[in-house]
């Protein structure tokens, strides 16, 4: 029996298949997989799903991301809050034969990180080298 991984389901990355993955709900699912399968947040962080519960400065960023066709995911732990925004990079996904997300990470002080991420064959998300 052959085990299939996240990446196997995306090969080859035809343009039509990538366009389907670019739907906001699909990108949101991929972004949440990246966040939950990486070590970007401390243990015990929880997702803030209601935009009204997102701190005001981060809420503006979330709303702007939505207006630009990007998705967002907000997480909190203790007195800290993080906002991730993301979009699919069609060109990089085609080149790497796997979904590649352009992700920006914000906290209350502003942008903390920006980069491209993709799942490896085991389904673990890793940062793409430039």
Protein backbone atom coordinates (compact mmCIF):
# COMPACT_ATOMS: atom_id res chain seq x y z
CA UNK A 1 0.00 0.00 0.00
CA UNK A 2 1.40 3.41 -0.98
CA UNK A 3 0.85 6.32 1.41
CA UNK A 4 -0.06 9.58 -0.26
CA UNK A 5 1.19 12.88 1.12
CA UNK A 6 -0.05 16.44 0.75
CA UNK A 7 2.41 17.10 -2.07
CA UNK A 8 1.45 13.95 -4.04
CA UNK A 9 -2.04 15.34 -4.52
CA UNK A 10 -0.63 18.46 -6.17
CA UNK A 11 1.66 16.86 -8.79
CA UNK A 12 1.80 17.82 -11.56
CA UNK A 13 0.78 21.40 -10.91
CA UNK A 14 -1.28 22.16 -14.00
CA UNK A 15 -2.55 25.70 -14.38
CA UNK A 16 -6.22 24.69 -14.03
CA UNK A 17 -5.54 22.77 -10.83
CA UNK A 18 -3.58 25.73 -9.44
CA UNK A 19 -6.40 28.12 -10.31
CA UNK A 20 -8.81 25.94 -8.30
CA UNK A 21 -6.39 26.03 -5.37
CA UNK A 22 -6.37 29.82 -5.57
CA UNK A 23 -9.96 29.96 -4.28
CA UNK A 24 -9.94 31.79 -0.92
CA UNK A 25 -11.37 28.79 0.96
CA UNK A 26 -8.58 26.55 -0.37
CA UNK A 27 -5.86 29.08 0.46
CA UNK A 28 -7.37 29.53 3.93
CA UNK A 29 -7.16 25.75 4.47
CA UNK A 30 -3.53 25.72 3.30
CA UNK A 31 -2.63 28.72 5.50
CA UNK A 32 -4.17 27.07 8.56
CA UNK A 33 -2.27 23.86 7.76
CA UNK A 34 0.97 25.84 7.58
CA UNK A 35 0.31 27.53 10.92
CA UNK A 36 -0.76 24.36 12.73
CA UNK A 37 2.08 22.19 11.35
CA UNK A 38 4.90 24.64 11.91
CA UNK A 39 6.52 26.09 15.00
CA UNK A 40 5.54 29.69 14.27
CA UNK A 41 3.41 30.07 17.41
CA UNK A 42 3.81 29.04 21.04
CA UNK A 43 2.03 25.92 22.28
CA UNK A 44 -1.47 26.75 23.47
CA UNK A 45 -2.09 29.54 20.95
CA UNK A 46 -5.71 29.63 19.81
CA UNK A 47 -7.35 30.90 16.65
CA UNK A 48 -9.40 34.10 16.69
CA UNK A 49 -12.06 33.56 14.03
CA UNK A 50 -14.27 36.62 14.51
CA UNK A 51 -12.77 39.72 12.90
CA UNK A 52 -14.48 41.88 15.54
CA UNK A 53 -12.32 40.14 18.19
CA UNK A 54 -9.07 40.90 16.35
CA UNK A 55 -7.18 43.88 17.87
CA UNK A 56 -7.93 47.08 15.97
CA UNK A 57 -4.55 47.54 14.26
CA UNK A 58 -4.47 43.93 13.10
CA UNK A 59 -8.15 44.13 12.10
CA UNK A 60 -7.27 46.91 9.63
CA UNK A 61 -4.57 44.68 8.12
CA UNK A 62 -7.01 41.74 7.92
CA UNK A 63 -9.64 43.88 6.20
CA UNK A 64 -7.09 45.27 3.75
CA UNK A 65 -5.85 41.76 2.99
CA UNK A 66 -9.43 40.65 2.26
CA UNK A 67 -9.93 43.63 -0.06
CA UNK A 68 -6.79 42.61 -1.96
CA UNK A 69 -7.96 39.00 -2.33
CA UNK A 70 -5.67 37.59 0.35
CA UNK A 71 -6.79 35.41 3.25
CA UNK A 72 -5.99 35.95 6.92
CA UNK A 73 -5.73 33.91 10.08
CA UNK A 74 -5.42 35.43 13.56
CA UNK A 75 -4.02 33.64 16.63
CA UNK A 76 -3.61 34.64 20.27
CA UNK A 77 -1.76 33.43 23.34
CA UNK A 78 -1.74 35.18 26.68
CA UNK A 79 -1.44 38.90 25.87
CA UNK A 80 0.01 38.46 22.36
CA UNK A 81 -1.78 38.29 19.02
CA UNK A 82 -0.47 37.34 15.59
CA UNK A 83 -2.06 37.85 12.19
CA UNK A 84 -1.02 35.83 9.14
CA UNK A 85 -2.04 36.93 5.64
CA UNK A 86 -1.48 34.76 2.61
CA UNK A 87 -1.97 34.22 -1.07
CA UNK A 88 -0.98 31.50 -3.53
CA UNK A 89 2.04 32.19 -5.72
CA UNK A 90 0.96 30.68 -9.03
CA UNK A 91 4.40 30.99 -10.65
CA UNK A 92 6.29 29.50 -7.69
CA UNK A 93 3.70 26.72 -7.28
CA UNK A 94 4.10 25.76 -10.92
CA UNK A 95 7.89 25.90 -10.67
CA UNK A 96 8.03 23.81 -7.48
CA UNK A 97 5.20 21.39 -8.41
CA UNK A 98 3.55 22.07 -5.04
CA UNK A 99 1.38 24.82 -3.55
CA UNK A 100 3.51 27.80 -2.52
CA UNK A 101 2.01 30.43 -0.25
CA UNK A 102 3.28 33.98 0.12
CA UNK A 103 2.76 34.64 3.84
CA UNK A 104 3.16 37.81 5.88
CA UNK A 105 3.20 37.66 9.69
CA UNK A 106 2.15 40.64 11.82
CA UNK A 107 1.84 41.35 15.51
CA UNK A 108 0.65 44.51 17.27
CA UNK A 109 3.97 46.21 16.46
CA UNK A 110 3.74 45.63 12.68
CA UNK A 111 5.14 43.15 10.18
CA UNK A 112 7.45 40.55 11.70
CA UNK A 113 8.16 38.23 8.79
CA UNK A 114 7.39 37.64 5.15
CA UNK A 115 8.21 34.65 3.01
CA UNK A 116 7.15 31.83 0.76
CA UNK A 117 6.20 28.45 2.23
CA UNK A 118 5.41 25.03 0.79
CA UNK A 119 4.71 21.55 2.15
CA UNK A 120 7.37 18.87 1.81
CA UNK A 121 6.61 15.25 0.91
CA UNK A 122 5.78 14.45 4.55
CA UNK A 123 3.27 17.32 4.73
CA UNK A 124 5.49 19.52 6.93
CA UNK A 125 5.62 23.13 5.79
CA UNK A 126 9.01 24.68 5.13
CA UNK A 127 10.24 28.02 3.95
CA UNK A 128 11.27 28.22 0.30
CA UNK A 129 14.80 29.30 -0.40
CA UNK A 130 14.95 32.28 -2.72
